[in-house]
Every structure is written in C-alpha cells, then in structure tokens.
Amino acid sequence: MEENNSQVLSLLGGLAIGIVGFQVFRKVLPWIYANVVGPKVFGSSVDLAKMGEWAVVTGSTDGIGKAYAKELARRGLKLVLISRSLEKLNVVAKEIGDKYGVEVRVIDVDFTGGAEIYDKIREKTTGLNVGVLVNNVGISYSHPEYFLDCYKADPKFLRNIVAANIHSVTHMTALFLPGMISQRRGVIINLSSTAGVIPNPLLSVYSSTKAFVNKFSDDLQTEYKEHGILIQSVQPGFVATNMSKIRKASVFAPSPETYVRSALSTLGIATQTAGYLPHALLQLVIHFTEAVFGEQFARNVVLKNILGTRKRALRRLAKEQ
C-alpha cells in the first residue's frame, strides 16, 4: 500500500513539474524570440518607406520623438512634425531636411487643448498619403508624488496628462487610420512606457495613461490587422531625454537614437514591446519577483525605490528655492 502511495506521489510530482516546465517553456521561448532572436538575428521585415509617402510624428522636437523623426527621414519618408513650439519645430525641421534631403512640414499645437487641435491637424494634412504615425507626445510628473498631493497642487496638470497621453493617441489614430485602411497598409507606433506594465506608485496618473496606450493598441491591432495595419505599443524604460532628466546615456538609459533603432528592429516581430533588451530584462525581473515573492512584495520594492527618488527630488527643489 505504501509503495502504491509512493508511486502515485511520484507520478503527481512528475506531472506537476512537467506542467510548470511546459508553462515556463511556453512563455520563455516567445520572450526570447521577441526580444533577442527576432530583433538581433532577423531584424524587422517591415519596409516603412512602402507604407506611404509621409510619416507623422507627435512630440517631435526632442528625445524619442525627434529620434523617430530622424530615423524615418533616413529611410526616405517625408515628415509632418507636430509639437507645441513653432520655433523648435522649425529648427528640427531644418536640421532633418538638410541632413536627409526630405520634405518636412510642421504643425504647432498644444496637445493639452481641446477638439480644435485635431481640426487644425486634419486641415494641415489633407491630401497627404500618410503611411506611418508615431504617437509620441506625452507628459509626465516632474518628480514622483502622492496622488492627492499632486491633485491639490495643480488639478489642471493631471487633466493635461490625460489629454496629452490618452486623447492624443485616440484622436490622432482616428484621424489617420481611415486613410491607411483605404490603402490596406500602414503602421501606427504608440509610445507607452514600462511604467504602464509594472507597479508604479507615486506616478499613478502617468502610469495609468500608459497602461491605456498598451490596451488600446493591443485591441486596435486585433480589430484592424486584417486590413493590413500594424499597430505597435512601445514601452521604454529610462532613456536619456529631457523628460527623464537623465543627461548621460548608459546601457540601461540609452540615447534616444539607440533606443529608437532598437525599437524599430522589433516592428513586425512584437506588437507589445519594451523595444530595448535591457528594458525588457527590467520588466522580466519585476514580473519574476511578483510571481515568486508575490505582487505585494514587488510593489513594496518598487515603492521604496520611488520614495528614494522623490526624496532626492524634493531635496534638490528645496536647494533651488
């Protein structure tokens, strides 16, 4: 009897190990392909120049948006650059136009505004064959802060985050998707953030808007894939930009140009991507910590780190006053 029980327990143990191994195998292989083998070995098979004559990039005077604009111009696309400052837009347009020999148009709008923004963009882009849209414009906190403290200090600021991070993606997509569908080709790249897929306390409104971008992109891809449309949500971690306040590029905080080249290598390989292997590893470590030690433990680890960032930022602000 004891021998039979031992055999049963051994069988159940082997079965459990087999199930766990299968689940790990099923998840690890796609991750390796999407983040290592696909981008590094095969590269993107998407020819962006064949999507259409023009590319539209929002938030394009600095950082990741400017890097996307430069890379698209290098690949031969004409550009429509959209940002708030007309002066900065003209400087970037001349820089890119002179270097890559492509036509560059600019539209100055403030994405924290209302419906009039999109009326202006529609008017300025009528008749253009837009094959690529990069929804990059976004607003983040100046430093980590508790939701109620942030709301009391400036409730309009939180409204602006929602307008710039959610409304822009929604309405810009609605503007240019119909033309792509009629051509049965097109690429929409929506800039989300690693903040949208890992715990991110003290940046709650920002991280929530980026979670929206992920979900919106994912479901929209399912809706319109059969029309030849490719929609990708890109989830960068820290990149050396003005928004992140990181001045010197490193392995874990690359330059915008390094990041964009890496992210574009995943196009057609992954519809949801960190875009850059070290950032994908960061997401993996957080998710692994959640799985092994529990979600609350992972949240506490992230909270402790962010509280440290907040403390340093407040100390710096105090010195500046």
Protein backbone atom coordinates (compact mmCIF):
# COMPACT_ATOMS: atom_id res chain seq x y z
CA MET A 1 0.00 0.00 0.00
CA GLU A 2 2.80 2.40 0.93
CA GLU A 3 4.59 1.52 -2.31
CA ASN A 4 1.46 2.38 -4.32
CA ASN A 5 1.10 5.69 -2.49
CA SER A 6 4.73 6.47 -3.19
CA GLN A 7 4.25 5.75 -6.89
CA VAL A 8 1.17 7.95 -7.00
CA LEU A 9 3.00 10.79 -5.27
CA SER A 10 5.95 10.41 -7.65
CA LEU A 11 3.59 10.47 -10.62
CA LEU A 12 1.80 13.55 -9.33
CA GLY A 13 5.11 15.26 -8.59
CA GLY A 14 6.42 14.49 -12.06
CA LEU A 15 3.19 15.73 -13.59
CA ALA A 16 3.37 18.99 -11.60
CA ILE A 17 6.99 19.55 -12.63
CA GLY A 18 6.06 18.81 -16.22
CA ILE A 19 3.19 21.32 -16.18
CA VAL A 20 5.35 24.04 -14.63
CA GLY A 21 8.14 23.29 -17.08
CA PHE A 22 5.74 23.48 -20.00
CA GLN A 23 4.34 26.82 -18.84
CA VAL A 24 7.84 28.25 -18.42
CA PHE A 25 8.88 26.86 -21.81
CA ARG A 26 5.72 28.27 -23.44
CA LYS A 27 6.41 31.77 -22.10
CA VAL A 28 10.20 31.88 -22.26
CA LEU A 29 10.59 30.93 -25.92
CA PRO A 30 8.31 33.70 -27.26
CA TRP A 31 10.08 36.20 -24.97
CA ILE A 32 13.49 35.15 -26.28
CA TYR A 33 12.30 35.41 -29.87
CA ALA A 34 10.59 38.79 -29.39
CA ASN A 35 13.49 40.39 -27.51
CA VAL A 36 16.65 38.63 -28.69
CA VAL A 37 16.43 36.30 -31.69
CA GLY A 38 13.89 38.23 -33.74
CA PRO A 39 15.33 41.75 -33.47
CA LYS A 40 19.02 40.81 -33.20
CA VAL A 41 19.19 37.94 -35.70
CA PHE A 42 16.42 38.58 -38.21
CA GLY A 43 15.51 42.23 -37.72
CA SER A 44 12.30 43.91 -38.79
CA SER A 45 10.84 42.86 -42.14
CA VAL A 46 8.61 45.95 -42.31
CA ASP A 47 9.63 48.39 -45.05
CA LEU A 48 8.33 51.67 -43.67
CA ALA A 49 9.05 53.53 -46.91
CA LYS A 50 6.46 51.34 -48.66
CA MET A 51 3.71 52.19 -46.19
CA GLY A 52 3.14 55.65 -47.65
CA GLU A 53 4.89 58.82 -48.70
CA TRP A 54 4.53 60.62 -45.38
CA ALA A 55 5.12 59.93 -41.69
CA VAL A 56 3.53 61.94 -38.88
CA VAL A 57 5.37 62.24 -35.55
CA THR A 58 3.98 63.97 -32.46
CA GLY A 59 6.18 65.36 -29.71
CA SER A 60 8.95 65.54 -32.27
CA THR A 61 11.26 68.37 -31.17
CA ASP A 62 13.22 66.37 -28.63
CA GLY A 63 14.03 62.94 -27.24
CA ILE A 64 12.39 59.79 -28.58
CA GLY A 65 10.03 61.67 -30.92
CA LYS A 66 12.88 63.50 -32.62
CA ALA A 67 14.86 60.27 -32.88
CA TYR A 68 11.91 58.56 -34.61
CA ALA A 69 11.61 61.51 -36.99
CA LYS A 70 15.30 61.36 -37.89
CA GLU A 71 15.24 57.60 -38.44
CA LEU A 72 12.12 57.77 -40.61
CA ALA A 73 13.68 60.55 -42.67
CA ARG A 74 16.82 58.48 -43.07
CA ARG A 75 14.62 55.77 -44.55
CA GLY A 76 13.25 58.20 -47.10
CA LEU A 77 9.88 59.27 -45.68
CA LYS A 78 8.65 62.85 -45.81
CA LEU A 79 7.71 64.16 -42.39
CA VAL A 80 4.97 66.06 -40.63
CA LEU A 81 6.33 67.10 -37.25
CA ILE A 82 3.81 68.12 -34.60
CA SER A 83 4.69 69.78 -31.28
CA ARG A 84 3.87 72.83 -29.21
CA SER A 85 6.74 75.20 -30.03
CA LEU A 86 6.83 76.51 -33.59
CA GLU A 87 10.35 77.84 -33.05
CA LYS A 88 11.67 74.43 -32.01
CA LEU A 89 9.74 72.72 -34.79
CA ASN A 90 11.34 74.94 -37.43
CA VAL A 91 14.83 74.27 -36.04
CA VAL A 92 14.31 70.48 -36.06
CA ALA A 93 12.64 70.56 -39.50
CA LYS A 94 15.62 72.40 -41.00
CA GLU A 95 18.09 70.08 -39.29
CA ILE A 96 16.38 66.93 -40.58
CA GLY A 97 15.58 68.35 -44.01
CA ASP A 98 19.16 69.50 -44.60
CA LYS A 99 20.67 66.21 -43.40
CA TYR A 100 18.37 63.72 -45.12
CA GLY A 101 17.05 65.72 -48.08
CA VAL A 102 13.36 65.07 -47.40
CA GLU A 103 10.43 67.45 -47.24
CA VAL A 104 9.48 68.34 -43.67
CA ARG A 105 6.30 70.16 -42.67
CA VAL A 106 5.44 71.39 -39.18
CA ILE A 107 2.23 71.91 -37.22
CA ASP A 108 2.31 73.71 -33.89
CA VAL A 109 -0.40 72.61 -31.47
CA ASP A 110 -0.64 72.15 -27.72
CA PHE A 111 -1.98 68.63 -27.09
CA THR A 112 -3.41 69.69 -23.72
CA GLY A 113 -6.09 71.62 -25.62
CA GLY A 114 -9.44 70.50 -26.98
CA ALA A 115 -11.00 69.35 -30.26
CA GLU A 116 -9.65 72.37 -32.14
CA ILE A 117 -6.21 70.71 -32.11
CA TYR A 118 -7.35 67.89 -34.33
CA ASP A 119 -9.32 70.15 -36.65
CA LYS A 120 -6.09 72.04 -37.33
CA ILE A 121 -4.09 68.85 -37.89
CA ARG A 122 -6.77 67.46 -40.23
CA GLU A 123 -6.75 70.67 -42.25
CA LYS A 124 -2.95 70.78 -42.50
CA THR A 125 -2.57 67.13 -43.56
CA THR A 126 -5.48 66.79 -46.01
CA GLY A 127 -4.34 65.07 -49.20
CA LEU A 128 -1.14 63.59 -47.74
CA ASN A 129 -0.54 59.86 -48.14
CA VAL A 130 0.36 59.11 -44.51
CA GLY A 131 1.64 55.58 -44.04
CA VAL A 132 3.33 55.89 -40.64
CA LEU A 133 2.04 57.54 -37.47
CA VAL A 134 4.17 57.83 -34.33
CA ASN A 135 2.11 58.87 -31.32
CA ASN A 136 4.92 60.01 -29.07
CA VAL A 137 3.74 63.21 -27.38
CA GLY A 138 3.30 62.84 -23.64
CA ILE A 139 3.54 64.48 -20.22
CA SER A 140 4.94 63.02 -17.02
CA TYR A 141 5.41 64.21 -13.44
CA SER A 142 8.34 66.48 -12.63
CA HIS A 143 9.04 64.09 -9.74
CA PRO A 144 7.21 61.19 -8.03
CA GLU A 145 4.35 62.43 -5.85
CA TYR A 146 1.34 61.11 -3.95
CA PHE A 147 -1.88 61.42 -5.96
CA LEU A 148 -3.76 63.72 -3.55
CA ASP A 149 -0.75 66.00 -3.04
CA CYS A 150 -0.37 66.24 -6.79
CA TYR A 151 -4.08 66.92 -7.24
CA LYS A 152 -4.17 69.62 -4.56
CA ALA A 153 -1.13 71.35 -6.00
CA ASP A 154 -2.48 71.51 -9.57
CA PRO A 155 -5.57 69.54 -10.65
CA LYS A 156 -5.25 71.00 -14.15
CA PHE A 157 -1.84 69.33 -14.51
CA LEU A 158 -3.41 65.90 -14.09
CA ARG A 159 -6.07 66.78 -16.67
CA ASN A 160 -3.27 67.79 -19.03
CA ILE A 161 -1.54 64.42 -18.56
CA VAL A 162 -4.73 62.62 -19.58
CA ALA A 163 -5.25 64.95 -22.55
CA ALA A 164 -1.70 64.62 -23.86
CA ASN A 165 -1.20 60.92 -23.13
CA ILE A 166 -4.64 59.48 -23.90
CA HIS A 167 -6.67 61.92 -26.00
CA SER A 168 -3.78 62.50 -28.42
CA VAL A 169 -3.29 58.79 -29.14
CA THR A 170 -7.03 58.25 -29.55
CA HIS A 171 -7.75 61.21 -31.83
CA MET A 172 -4.56 61.06 -33.90
CA THR A 173 -5.28 57.40 -34.61
CA ALA A 174 -8.85 58.28 -35.60
CA LEU A 175 -7.50 60.93 -37.99
CA PHE A 176 -5.04 58.77 -39.91
CA LEU A 177 -6.30 55.19 -39.61
CA PRO A 178 -9.05 55.58 -42.25
CA GLY A 179 -6.52 56.56 -44.93
CA MET A 180 -4.33 53.60 -44.03
CA ILE A 181 -7.30 51.24 -44.24
CA SER A 182 -8.20 52.56 -47.71
CA GLN A 183 -4.62 51.82 -48.85
CA ARG A 184 -4.62 48.49 -46.97
CA ARG A 185 -1.28 49.30 -45.39
CA GLY A 186 0.06 51.43 -42.58
CA VAL A 187 1.99 51.47 -39.31
CA ILE A 188 0.97 53.13 -36.05
CA ILE A 189 3.55 53.24 -33.26
CA ASN A 190 2.18 54.28 -29.87
CA LEU A 191 4.68 55.25 -27.19
CA SER A 192 3.65 53.74 -23.89
CA SER A 193 6.10 53.14 -21.03
CA THR A 194 7.46 50.40 -18.81
CA ALA A 195 5.57 52.35 -16.13
CA GLY A 196 2.37 51.06 -17.73
CA VAL A 197 3.23 47.38 -17.24
CA ILE A 198 4.91 47.30 -13.80
CA PRO A 199 3.88 48.70 -10.40
CA ASN A 200 4.44 52.46 -10.43
CA PRO A 201 3.16 54.17 -7.26
CA LEU A 202 3.61 57.94 -6.91
CA LEU A 203 3.30 58.21 -10.68
CA SER A 204 -0.19 56.78 -10.68
CA VAL A 205 -1.91 59.01 -13.25
CA TYR A 206 1.02 58.88 -15.67
CA SER A 207 1.41 55.09 -15.42
CA SER A 208 -2.35 54.61 -15.83
CA THR A 209 -2.39 56.62 -19.05
CA LYS A 210 0.43 54.46 -20.37
CA ALA A 211 -1.48 51.30 -19.43
CA PHE A 212 -4.32 52.70 -21.54
CA VAL A 213 -1.96 53.04 -24.50
CA ASN A 214 -1.00 49.37 -24.20
CA LYS A 215 -4.59 48.14 -24.04
CA PHE A 216 -5.82 50.48 -26.75
CA SER A 217 -3.01 49.41 -29.09
CA ASP A 218 -3.49 45.71 -28.42
CA ASP A 219 -7.23 45.67 -29.07
CA LEU A 220 -6.94 48.02 -32.05
CA GLN A 221 -4.39 45.69 -33.64
CA THR A 222 -6.88 42.83 -33.34
CA GLU A 223 -9.60 44.97 -34.93
CA TYR A 224 -7.60 46.15 -37.94
CA LYS A 225 -4.89 43.57 -38.60
CA GLU A 226 -6.94 42.08 -41.45
CA HIS A 227 -6.81 45.49 -43.16
CA GLY A 228 -3.02 45.35 -43.43
CA ILE A 229 -2.45 47.70 -40.49
CA LEU A 230 0.36 47.14 -37.97
CA ILE A 231 -0.13 48.76 -34.57
CA GLN A 232 2.67 48.55 -32.02
CA SER A 233 2.84 49.68 -28.39
CA VAL A 234 6.39 50.54 -27.33
CA GLN A 235 7.22 50.55 -23.60
CA PRO A 236 10.55 52.27 -22.94
CA GLY A 237 12.18 52.37 -19.55
CA PHE A 238 14.58 55.20 -18.79
CA VAL A 239 16.03 56.94 -21.86
CA ALA A 240 18.46 59.86 -21.70
CA THR A 241 16.00 62.66 -22.52
CA ASN A 242 14.85 65.97 -21.07
CA MET A 243 11.71 64.29 -19.73
CA SER A 244 13.66 61.70 -17.74
CA LYS A 245 16.24 64.33 -16.68
CA ILE A 246 18.98 61.80 -17.45
CA ARG A 247 21.81 63.63 -19.15
CA LYS A 248 24.35 60.87 -19.79
CA ALA A 249 23.39 57.77 -21.77
CA SER A 250 24.19 54.33 -20.38
CA VAL A 251 23.31 50.69 -21.02
CA PHE A 252 20.09 50.96 -19.02
CA ALA A 253 19.31 54.52 -20.09
CA PRO A 254 20.31 54.67 -23.77
CA SER A 255 20.32 57.70 -26.02
CA PRO A 256 17.05 58.28 -27.93
CA GLU A 257 18.76 57.30 -31.17
CA THR A 258 19.99 53.99 -29.75
CA TYR A 259 16.59 53.27 -28.28
CA VAL A 260 14.65 54.03 -31.48
CA ARG A 261 16.92 51.91 -33.68
CA SER A 262 16.40 49.02 -31.27
CA ALA A 263 12.63 49.56 -31.05
CA LEU A 264 12.22 49.68 -34.83
CA SER A 265 14.04 46.33 -35.12
CA THR A 266 11.08 44.78 -33.25
CA LEU A 267 8.47 46.11 -35.70
CA GLY A 268 6.56 43.19 -37.17
CA ILE A 269 8.03 40.88 -34.52
CA ALA A 270 6.25 42.15 -31.40
CA THR A 271 3.12 44.28 -31.10
CA GLN A 272 3.83 44.94 -27.41
CA THR A 273 7.50 45.54 -26.66
CA ALA A 274 9.93 47.23 -24.31
CA GLY A 275 11.81 47.99 -27.51
CA TYR A 276 15.23 47.56 -25.95
CA LEU A 277 16.68 44.42 -24.38
CA PRO A 278 17.86 45.91 -21.03
CA HIS A 279 14.38 47.42 -20.55
CA ALA A 280 12.78 44.07 -21.40
CA LEU A 281 15.02 42.45 -18.77
CA LEU A 282 13.89 45.01 -16.20
CA GLN A 283 10.25 44.16 -16.89
CA LEU A 284 11.10 40.46 -16.68
CA VAL A 285 12.79 40.86 -13.28
CA ILE A 286 9.76 42.72 -11.87
CA HIS A 287 7.31 40.12 -13.20
CA PHE A 288 9.52 37.29 -11.91
CA THR A 289 9.63 38.93 -8.47
CA GLU A 290 5.83 39.18 -8.49
CA ALA A 291 5.49 35.52 -9.46
CA VAL A 292 7.98 34.17 -6.91
CA PHE A 293 7.59 36.50 -3.92
CA GLY A 294 4.11 37.88 -4.51
CA GLU A 295 2.72 41.05 -6.05
CA GLN A 296 2.73 42.97 -2.78
CA PHE A 297 6.43 42.28 -2.20
CA ALA A 298 7.24 43.56 -5.71
CA ARG A 299 5.11 46.65 -5.15
CA ASN A 300 6.90 47.39 -1.88
CA VAL A 301 10.31 47.07 -3.54
CA VAL A 302 9.29 49.49 -6.29
CA LEU A 303 7.69 51.87 -3.77
CA LYS A 304 10.86 52.01 -1.69
CA ASN A 305 12.91 52.85 -4.77
CA ILE A 306 10.48 55.55 -5.94
CA LEU A 307 10.27 57.09 -2.47
CA GLY A 308 14.04 57.45 -2.60
CA THR A 309 13.75 59.23 -5.95
CA ARG A 310 11.05 61.53 -4.53
CA LYS A 311 13.17 62.38 -1.50
CA ARG A 312 16.16 63.32 -3.66
CA ALA A 313 13.96 65.42 -5.97
CA LEU A 314 12.38 67.34 -3.08
CA ARG A 315 15.80 67.97 -1.56
CA ARG A 316 17.01 69.35 -4.91
CA LEU A 317 13.93 71.58 -5.23
CA ALA A 318 14.47 72.92 -1.72
CA LYS A 319 18.03 73.96 -2.61
CA GLU A 320 16.82 75.75 -5.75
CA GLN A 321 14.35 77.90 -3.81
